[in-house]
Amino acid sequence: QCNNGTLTCCNSVQAADSPAAIAALKSVGAAVQGVTGQVGLTCSAPTVIGASGNSCSQQPVCCTNNNFNGVVAIGCTPVNVNL
């Protein structure tokens, strides 16, 4: 569950200034300058499993900007799935 942003499942989560995040941002034409925090790479929506809610086989994160077709998600914060 996300207080800010949308629940997303990402293969990896990187710092915005990491080489992998910068390359992903550039590949979708996103502005690299001004991006801070965590960036999710290769993301998709969680799958729904019955009444128990959503499930991620990758890293579950809440992202405020996931408008890049799953290639990259900006403004991500990890979700503690043990809550």
PDB file of N, CA and C in Angstrom:
ATOM      1  N   GLN A   1       0.839  -1.179   0.000  1.00  0.00           N
ATOM      2  CA  GLN A   1       0.000   0.000   0.000  1.00  0.00           C
ATOM      3  C   GLN A   1       0.881   1.239   0.000  1.00  0.00           C
ATOM      4  N   CYS A   2       0.501   2.212  -0.821  1.00  0.00           N
ATOM      5  CA  CYS A   2       1.308   3.420  -0.981  1.00  0.00           C
ATOM      6  C   CYS A   2       0.583   4.638  -0.428  1.00  0.00           C
ATOM      7  N   ASN A   3       1.304   5.438   0.350  1.00  0.00           N
ATOM      8  CA  ASN A   3       0.772   6.734   0.774  1.00  0.00           C
ATOM      9  C   ASN A   3       0.973   7.771  -0.314  1.00  0.00           C
ATOM     10  N   ASN A   4       2.091   7.675  -1.009  1.00  0.00           N
ATOM     11  CA  ASN A   4       2.392   8.572  -2.126  1.00  0.00           C
ATOM     12  C   ASN A   4       2.770   7.732  -3.325  1.00  0.00           C
ATOM     13  N   GLY A   5       2.172   7.995  -4.460  1.00  0.00           N
ATOM     14  CA  GLY A   5       2.538   7.283  -5.670  1.00  0.00           C
ATOM     15  C   GLY A   5       1.757   6.004  -5.863  1.00  0.00           C
ATOM     16  N   THR A   6       2.240   5.197  -6.784  1.00  0.00           N
ATOM     17  CA  THR A   6       1.574   3.967  -7.197  1.00  0.00           C
ATOM     18  C   THR A   6       2.464   2.769  -6.893  1.00  0.00           C
ATOM     19  N   LEU A   7       1.861   1.702  -6.398  1.00  0.00           N
ATOM     20  CA  LEU A   7       2.621   0.480  -6.143  1.00  0.00           C
ATOM     21  C   LEU A   7       3.098  -0.103  -7.465  1.00  0.00           C
ATOM     22  N   THR A   8       4.377  -0.345  -7.544  1.00  0.00           N
ATOM     23  CA  THR A   8       5.018  -0.831  -8.756  1.00  0.00           C
ATOM     24  C   THR A   8       6.017  -1.908  -8.375  1.00  0.00           C
ATOM     25  N   CYS A   9       6.227  -2.875  -9.257  1.00  0.00           N
ATOM     26  CA  CYS A   9       7.226  -3.920  -9.031  1.00  0.00           C
ATOM     27  C   CYS A   9       8.387  -3.681  -9.994  1.00  0.00           C
ATOM     28  N   CYS A  10       9.573  -3.489  -9.464  1.00  0.00           N
ATOM     29  CA  CYS A  10      10.736  -3.185 -10.302  1.00  0.00           C
ATOM     30  C   CYS A  10      11.820  -4.247 -10.131  1.00  0.00           C
ATOM     31  N   ASN A  11      12.499  -4.561 -11.222  1.00  0.00           N
ATOM     32  CA  ASN A  11      13.592  -5.532 -11.161  1.00  0.00           C
ATOM     33  C   ASN A  11      14.725  -5.024 -10.297  1.00  0.00           C
ATOM     34  N   SER A  12      14.954  -3.712 -10.311  1.00  0.00           N
ATOM     35  CA  SER A  12      15.965  -3.133  -9.423  1.00  0.00           C
ATOM     36  C   SER A  12      15.588  -1.702  -9.107  1.00  0.00           C
ATOM     37  N   VAL A  13      16.130  -1.216  -8.009  1.00  0.00           N
ATOM     38  CA  VAL A  13      15.932   0.171  -7.591  1.00  0.00           C
ATOM     39  C   VAL A  13      17.313   0.770  -7.390  1.00  0.00           C
ATOM     40  N   GLN A  14      17.563   1.884  -8.053  1.00  0.00           N
ATOM     41  CA  GLN A  14      18.885   2.515  -8.043  1.00  0.00           C
ATOM     42  C   GLN A  14      18.772   3.960  -7.571  1.00  0.00           C
ATOM     43  N   ALA A  15      19.864   4.494  -7.069  1.00  0.00           N
ATOM     44  CA  ALA A  15      19.927   5.927  -6.780  1.00  0.00           C
ATOM     45  C   ALA A  15      19.824   6.677  -8.103  1.00  0.00           C
ATOM     46  N   ALA A  16      19.164   7.825  -8.076  1.00  0.00           N
ATOM     47  CA  ALA A  16      18.931   8.593  -9.304  1.00  0.00           C
ATOM     48  C   ALA A  16      20.224   8.982 -10.011  1.00  0.00           C
ATOM     49  N   ASP A  17      21.324   9.100  -9.254  1.00  0.00           N
ATOM     50  CA  ASP A  17      22.585   9.507  -9.881  1.00  0.00           C
ATOM     51  C   ASP A  17      23.464   8.313 -10.260  1.00  0.00           C
ATOM     52  N   SER A  18      22.936   7.093 -10.179  1.00  0.00           N
ATOM     53  CA  SER A  18      23.723   5.918 -10.566  1.00  0.00           C
ATOM     54  C   SER A  18      23.786   5.812 -12.091  1.00  0.00           C
ATOM     55  N   PRO A  19      24.858   5.240 -12.622  1.00  0.00           N
ATOM     56  CA  PRO A  19      24.979   5.099 -14.084  1.00  0.00           C
ATOM     57  C   PRO A  19      23.803   4.365 -14.723  1.00  0.00           C
ATOM     58  N   ALA A  20      23.285   3.331 -14.064  1.00  0.00           N
ATOM     59  CA  ALA A  20      22.163   2.567 -14.630  1.00  0.00           C
ATOM     60  C   ALA A  20      20.900   3.419 -14.696  1.00  0.00           C
ATOM     61  N   ALA A  21      20.641   4.191 -13.647  1.00  0.00           N
ATOM     62  CA  ALA A  21      19.455   5.045 -13.629  1.00  0.00           C
ATOM     63  C   ALA A  21      19.571   6.155 -14.670  1.00  0.00           C
ATOM     64  N   ILE A  22      20.742   6.763 -14.765  1.00  0.00           N
ATOM     65  CA  ILE A  22      20.951   7.832 -15.752  1.00  0.00           C
ATOM     66  C   ILE A  22      20.747   7.299 -17.163  1.00  0.00           C
ATOM     67  N   ALA A  23      21.282   6.125 -17.446  1.00  0.00           N
ATOM     68  CA  ALA A  23      21.130   5.526 -18.776  1.00  0.00           C
ATOM     69  C   ALA A  23      19.657   5.242 -19.073  1.00  0.00           C
ATOM     70  N   ALA A  24      18.927   4.721 -18.087  1.00  0.00           N
ATOM     71  CA  ALA A  24      17.507   4.418 -18.285  1.00  0.00           C
ATOM     72  C   ALA A  24      16.703   5.692 -18.507  1.00  0.00           C
ATOM     73  N   LEU A  25      16.991   6.721 -17.725  1.00  0.00           N
ATOM     74  CA  LEU A  25      16.280   7.995 -17.887  1.00  0.00           C
ATOM     75  C   LEU A  25      16.519   8.585 -19.266  1.00  0.00           C
ATOM     76  N   LYS A  26      17.768   8.545 -19.694  1.00  0.00           N
ATOM     77  CA  LYS A  26      18.094   9.069 -21.027  1.00  0.00           C
ATOM     78  C   LYS A  26      17.417   8.256 -22.125  1.00  0.00           C
ATOM     79  N   SER A  27      17.295   6.940 -21.934  1.00  0.00           N
ATOM     80  CA  SER A  27      16.712   6.085 -22.972  1.00  0.00           C
ATOM     81  C   SER A  27      15.241   6.387 -23.229  1.00  0.00           C
ATOM     82  N   VAL A  28      14.552   6.949 -22.239  1.00  0.00           N
ATOM     83  CA  VAL A  28      13.135   7.295 -22.424  1.00  0.00           C
ATOM     84  C   VAL A  28      12.939   8.795 -22.620  1.00  0.00           C
ATOM     85  N   GLY A  29      14.038   9.535 -22.719  1.00  0.00           N
ATOM     86  CA  GLY A  29      13.955  10.965 -22.948  1.00  0.00           C
ATOM     87  C   GLY A  29      13.564  11.772 -21.733  1.00  0.00           C
ATOM     88  N   ALA A  30      13.693  11.187 -20.561  1.00  0.00           N
ATOM     89  CA  ALA A  30      13.373  11.908 -19.328  1.00  0.00           C
ATOM     90  C   ALA A  30      14.533  12.821 -18.950  1.00  0.00           C
ATOM     91  N   ALA A  31      14.202  13.951 -18.352  1.00  0.00           N
ATOM     92  CA  ALA A  31      15.234  14.870 -17.891  1.00  0.00           C
ATOM     93  C   ALA A  31      15.993  14.228 -16.742  1.00  0.00           C
ATOM     94  N   VAL A  32      17.307  14.177 -16.858  1.00  0.00           N
ATOM     95  CA  VAL A  32      18.138  13.578 -15.813  1.00  0.00           C
ATOM     96  C   VAL A  32      18.369  14.580 -14.688  1.00  0.00           C
ATOM     97  N   GLN A  33      18.538  15.847 -15.058  1.00  0.00           N
ATOM     98  CA  GLN A  33      18.760  16.885 -14.054  1.00  0.00           C
ATOM     99  C   GLN A  33      17.521  17.044 -13.191  1.00  0.00           C
ATOM    100  N   GLY A  34      17.719  17.161 -11.914  1.00  0.00           N
ATOM    101  CA  GLY A  34      16.615  17.384 -11.003  1.00  0.00           C
ATOM    102  C   GLY A  34      15.966  16.115 -10.479  1.00  0.00           C
ATOM    103  N   VAL A  35      16.318  14.957 -11.028  1.00  0.00           N
ATOM    104  CA  VAL A  35      15.775  13.697 -10.515  1.00  0.00           C
ATOM    105  C   VAL A  35      16.580  13.307  -9.286  1.00  0.00           C
ATOM    106  N   THR A  36      15.891  13.106  -8.193  1.00  0.00           N
ATOM    107  CA  THR A  36      16.562  12.724  -6.942  1.00  0.00           C
ATOM    108  C   THR A  36      15.880  11.492  -6.374  1.00  0.00           C
ATOM    109  N   GLY A  37      16.488  10.923  -5.363  1.00  0.00           N
ATOM    110  CA  GLY A  37      15.901   9.768  -4.696  1.00  0.00           C
ATOM    111  C   GLY A  37      16.158   8.482  -5.442  1.00  0.00           C
ATOM    112  N   GLN A  38      15.195   7.589  -5.390  1.00  0.00           N
ATOM    113  CA  GLN A  38      15.330   6.266  -5.981  1.00  0.00           C
ATOM    114  C   GLN A  38      14.608   6.197  -7.321  1.00  0.00           C
ATOM    115  N   VAL A  39      15.179   5.427  -8.238  1.00  0.00           N
ATOM    116  CA  VAL A  39      14.606   5.210  -9.560  1.00  0.00           C
ATOM    117  C   VAL A  39      14.433   3.706  -9.744  1.00  0.00           C
ATOM    118  N   GLY A  40      13.240   3.289 -10.125  1.00  0.00           N
ATOM    119  CA  GLY A  40      12.974   1.886 -10.389  1.00  0.00           C
ATOM    120  C   GLY A  40      13.266   1.566 -11.843  1.00  0.00           C
ATOM    121  N   LEU A  41      13.893   0.419 -12.088  1.00  0.00           N
ATOM    122  CA  LEU A  41      14.239   0.004 -13.448  1.00  0.00           C
ATOM    123  C   LEU A  41      13.489  -1.267 -13.811  1.00  0.00           C
ATOM    124  N   THR A  42      12.990  -1.324 -15.016  1.00  0.00           N
ATOM    125  CA  THR A  42      12.223  -2.451 -15.553  1.00  0.00           C
ATOM    126  C   THR A  42      11.071  -2.781 -14.602  1.00  0.00           C
ATOM    127  N   CYS A  43      10.055  -1.947 -14.635  1.00  0.00           N
ATOM    128  CA  CYS A  43       8.953  -2.031 -13.682  1.00  0.00           C
ATOM    129  C   CYS A  43       7.659  -2.501 -14.350  1.00  0.00           C
ATOM    130  N   SER A  44       6.800  -3.082 -13.537  1.00  0.00           N
ATOM    131  CA  SER A  44       5.483  -3.488 -14.006  1.00  0.00           C
ATOM    132  C   SER A  44       4.495  -3.367 -12.856  1.00  0.00           C
ATOM    133  N   ALA A  45       3.219  -3.450 -13.190  1.00  0.00           N
ATOM    134  CA  ALA A  45       2.185  -3.416 -12.158  1.00  0.00           C
ATOM    135  C   ALA A  45       2.212  -4.730 -11.382  1.00  0.00           C
ATOM    136  N   PRO A  46       1.845  -4.688 -10.111  1.00  0.00           N
ATOM    137  CA  PRO A  46       1.796  -5.934  -9.344  1.00  0.00           C
ATOM    138  C   PRO A  46       0.654  -6.812  -9.837  1.00  0.00           C
ATOM    139  N   THR A  47       0.781  -8.108  -9.625  1.00  0.00           N
ATOM    140  CA  THR A  47      -0.300  -9.029  -9.951  1.00  0.00           C
ATOM    141  C   THR A  47      -1.252  -9.093  -8.767  1.00  0.00           C
ATOM    142  N   VAL A  48      -2.509  -9.302  -9.042  1.00  0.00           N
ATOM    143  CA  VAL A  48      -3.513  -9.381  -7.975  1.00  0.00           C
ATOM    144  C   VAL A  48      -3.709 -10.850  -7.616  1.00  0.00           C
ATOM    145  N   ILE A  49      -3.596 -11.133  -6.328  1.00  0.00           N
ATOM    146  CA  ILE A  49      -3.768 -12.507  -5.846  1.00  0.00           C
ATOM    147  C   ILE A  49      -4.958 -12.536  -4.891  1.00  0.00           C
ATOM    148  N   GLY A  50      -6.116 -12.923  -5.396  1.00  0.00           N
ATOM    149  CA  GLY A  50      -7.307 -13.071  -4.566  1.00  0.00           C
ATOM    150  C   GLY A  50      -7.611 -11.872  -3.701  1.00  0.00           C
ATOM    151  N   ALA A  51      -8.161 -12.128  -2.540  1.00  0.00           N
ATOM    152  CA  ALA A  51      -8.561 -11.057  -1.626  1.00  0.00           C
ATOM    153  C   ALA A  51      -7.386 -10.544  -0.810  1.00  0.00           C
ATOM    154  N   SER A  52      -6.248 -11.236  -0.899  1.00  0.00           N
ATOM    155  CA  SER A  52      -5.108 -10.852  -0.059  1.00  0.00           C
ATOM    156  C   SER A  52      -4.383  -9.619  -0.569  1.00  0.00           C
ATOM    157  N   GLY A  53      -4.668  -9.196  -1.793  1.00  0.00           N
ATOM    158  CA  GLY A  53      -4.046  -7.972  -2.292  1.00  0.00           C
ATOM    159  C   GLY A  53      -3.104  -8.214  -3.439  1.00  0.00           C
ATOM    160  N   ASN A  54      -2.052  -7.415  -3.498  1.00  0.00           N
ATOM    161  CA  ASN A  54      -1.117  -7.433  -4.619  1.00  0.00           C
ATOM    162  C   ASN A  54       0.149  -8.201  -4.281  1.00  0.00           C
ATOM    163  N   SER A  55       0.812  -8.684  -5.329  1.00  0.00           N
ATOM    164  CA  SER A  55       2.035  -9.454  -5.127  1.00  0.00           C
ATOM    165  C   SER A  55       3.098  -9.023  -6.119  1.00  0.00           C
ATOM    166  N   CYS A  56       4.318  -8.889  -5.626  1.00  0.00           N
ATOM    167  CA  CYS A  56       5.466  -8.579  -6.472  1.00  0.00           C
ATOM    168  C   CYS A  56       6.481  -9.705  -6.332  1.00  0.00           C
ATOM    169  N   SER A  57       6.982 -10.192  -7.461  1.00  0.00           N
ATOM    170  CA  SER A  57       8.091 -11.137  -7.380  1.00  0.00           C
ATOM    171  C   SER A  57       9.414 -10.386  -7.406  1.00  0.00           C
ATOM    172  N   GLN A  58       9.378  -9.089  -7.796  1.00  0.00           N
ATOM    173  CA  GLN A  58      10.566  -8.245  -7.763  1.00  0.00           C
ATOM    174  C   GLN A  58      10.487  -7.321  -6.545  1.00  0.00           C
ATOM    175  N   GLN A  59      11.185  -6.198  -6.609  1.00  0.00           N
ATOM    176  CA  GLN A  59      11.207  -5.217  -5.514  1.00  0.00           C
ATOM    177  C   GLN A  59       9.930  -4.370  -5.540  1.00  0.00           C
ATOM    178  N   PRO A  60       9.090  -4.453  -4.502  1.00  0.00           N
ATOM    179  CA  PRO A  60       7.908  -3.576  -4.470  1.00  0.00           C
ATOM    180  C   PRO A  60       8.293  -2.170  -4.032  1.00  0.00           C
ATOM    181  N   VAL A  61       7.870  -1.186  -4.802  1.00  0.00           N
ATOM    182  CA  VAL A  61       8.157   0.210  -4.502  1.00  0.00           C
ATOM    183  C   VAL A  61       6.928   1.053  -4.806  1.00  0.00           C
ATOM    184  N   CYS A  62       6.856   2.215  -4.181  1.00  0.00           N
ATOM    185  CA  CYS A  62       5.842   3.216  -4.509  1.00  0.00           C
ATOM    186  C   CYS A  62       6.543   4.307  -5.290  1.00  0.00           C
ATOM    187  N   CYS A  63       6.032   4.598  -6.498  1.00  0.00           N
ATOM    188  CA  CYS A  63       6.676   5.583  -7.364  1.00  0.00           C
ATOM    189  C   CYS A  63       5.693   6.677  -7.733  1.00  0.00           C
ATOM    190  N   THR A  64       6.181   7.913  -7.740  1.00  0.00           N
ATOM    191  CA  THR A  64       5.320   9.049  -8.046  1.00  0.00           C
ATOM    192  C   THR A  64       5.209   9.311  -9.544  1.00  0.00           C
ATOM    193  N   ASN A  65       6.130   8.785 -10.353  1.00  0.00           N
ATOM    194  CA  ASN A  65       6.077   9.000 -11.799  1.00  0.00           C
ATOM    195  C   ASN A  65       6.477   7.716 -12.508  1.00  0.00           C
ATOM    196  N   ASN A  66       5.474   7.005 -13.012  1.00  0.00           N
ATOM    197  CA  ASN A  66       5.722   5.751 -13.720  1.00  0.00           C
ATOM    198  C   ASN A  66       5.121   5.845 -15.115  1.00  0.00           C
ATOM    199  N   ASN A  67       5.415   6.931 -15.801  1.00  0.00           N
ATOM    200  CA  ASN A  67       4.827   7.203 -17.110  1.00  0.00           C
ATOM    201  C   ASN A  67       5.767   6.879 -18.256  1.00  0.00           C
ATOM    202  N   PHE A  68       6.648   5.909 -18.068  1.00  0.00           N
ATOM    203  CA  PHE A  68       7.646   5.597 -19.096  1.00  0.00           C
ATOM    204  C   PHE A  68       7.555   4.137 -19.536  1.00  0.00           C
ATOM    205  N   ASN A  69       6.325   3.590 -19.603  1.00  0.00           N
ATOM    206  CA  ASN A  69       6.074   2.239 -20.101  1.00  0.00           C
ATOM    207  C   ASN A  69       6.879   1.157 -19.388  1.00  0.00           C
ATOM    208  N   GLY A  70       7.145   1.351 -18.107  1.00  0.00           N
ATOM    209  CA  GLY A  70       7.813   0.319 -17.326  1.00  0.00           C
ATOM    210  C   GLY A  70       9.324   0.303 -17.416  1.00  0.00           C
ATOM    211  N   VAL A  71       9.891   1.102 -18.331  1.00  0.00           N
ATOM    212  CA  VAL A  71      11.352   1.126 -18.461  1.00  0.00           C
ATOM    213  C   VAL A  71      11.977   1.704 -17.206  1.00  0.00           C
ATOM    214  N   VAL A  72      11.393   2.787 -16.724  1.00  0.00           N
ATOM    215  CA  VAL A  72      11.927   3.473 -15.555  1.00  0.00           C
ATOM    216  C   VAL A  72      10.764   4.107 -14.792  1.00  0.00           C
ATOM    217  N   ALA A  73      10.876   4.154 -13.472  1.00  0.00           N
ATOM    218  CA  ALA A  73       9.905   4.826 -12.619  1.00  0.00           C
ATOM    219  C   ALA A  73      10.662   5.766 -11.692  1.00  0.00           C
ATOM    220  N   ILE A  74      10.152   6.971 -11.530  1.00  0.00           N
ATOM    221  CA  ILE A  74      10.860   8.027 -10.789  1.00  0.00           C
ATOM    222  C   ILE A  74      10.162   8.266  -9.456  1.00  0.00           C
ATOM    223  N   GLY A  75      10.940   8.683  -8.486  1.00  0.00           N
ATOM    224  CA  GLY A  75      10.392   9.036  -7.170  1.00  0.00           C
ATOM    225  C   GLY A  75       9.938   7.822  -6.388  1.00  0.00           C
ATOM    226  N   CYS A  76      10.757   6.790  -6.383  1.00  0.00           N
ATOM    227  CA  CYS A  76      10.367   5.526  -5.740  1.00  0.00           C
ATOM    228  C   CYS A  76      10.847   5.426  -4.306  1.00  0.00           C
ATOM    229  N   THR A  77      10.011   4.811  -3.485  1.00  0.00           N
ATOM    230  CA  THR A  77      10.397   4.480  -2.125  1.00  0.00           C
ATOM    231  C   THR A  77      10.054   3.001  -1.902  1.00  0.00           C
ATOM    232  N   PRO A  78      10.957   2.251  -1.292  1.00  0.00           N
ATOM    233  CA  PRO A  78      10.705   0.815  -1.049  1.00  0.00           C
ATOM    234  C   PRO A  78       9.479   0.610  -0.161  1.00  0.00           C
ATOM    235  N   VAL A  79       8.784  -0.488  -0.385  1.00  0.00           N
ATOM    236  CA  VAL A  79       7.626  -0.859   0.420  1.00  0.00           C
ATOM    237  C   VAL A  79       8.050  -1.984   1.357  1.00  0.00           C
ATOM    238  N   ASN A  80       7.732  -1.845   2.613  1.00  0.00           N
ATOM    239  CA  ASN A  80       7.995  -2.910   3.579  1.00  0.00           C
ATOM    240  C   ASN A  80       6.840  -3.901   3.506  1.00  0.00           C
ATOM    241  N   VAL A  81       7.062  -5.038   2.855  1.00  0.00           N
ATOM    242  CA  VAL A  81       5.999  -6.015   2.658  1.00  0.00           C
ATOM    243  C   VAL A  81       5.677  -6.799   3.920  1.00  0.00           C
ATOM    244  N   ASN A  82       6.423  -6.568   4.983  1.00  0.00           N
ATOM    245  CA  ASN A  82       6.182  -7.285   6.241  1.00  0.00           C
ATOM    246  C   ASN A  82       5.247  -6.549   7.167  1.00  0.00           C
ATOM    247  N   LEU A  83       4.673  -5.448   6.713  1.00  0.00           N
ATOM    248  CA  LEU A  83       3.759  -4.681   7.582  1.00  0.00           C
ATOM    249  C   LEU A  83       2.419  -5.376   7.700  1.00  0.00           C
TER     250      LEU A  83
END
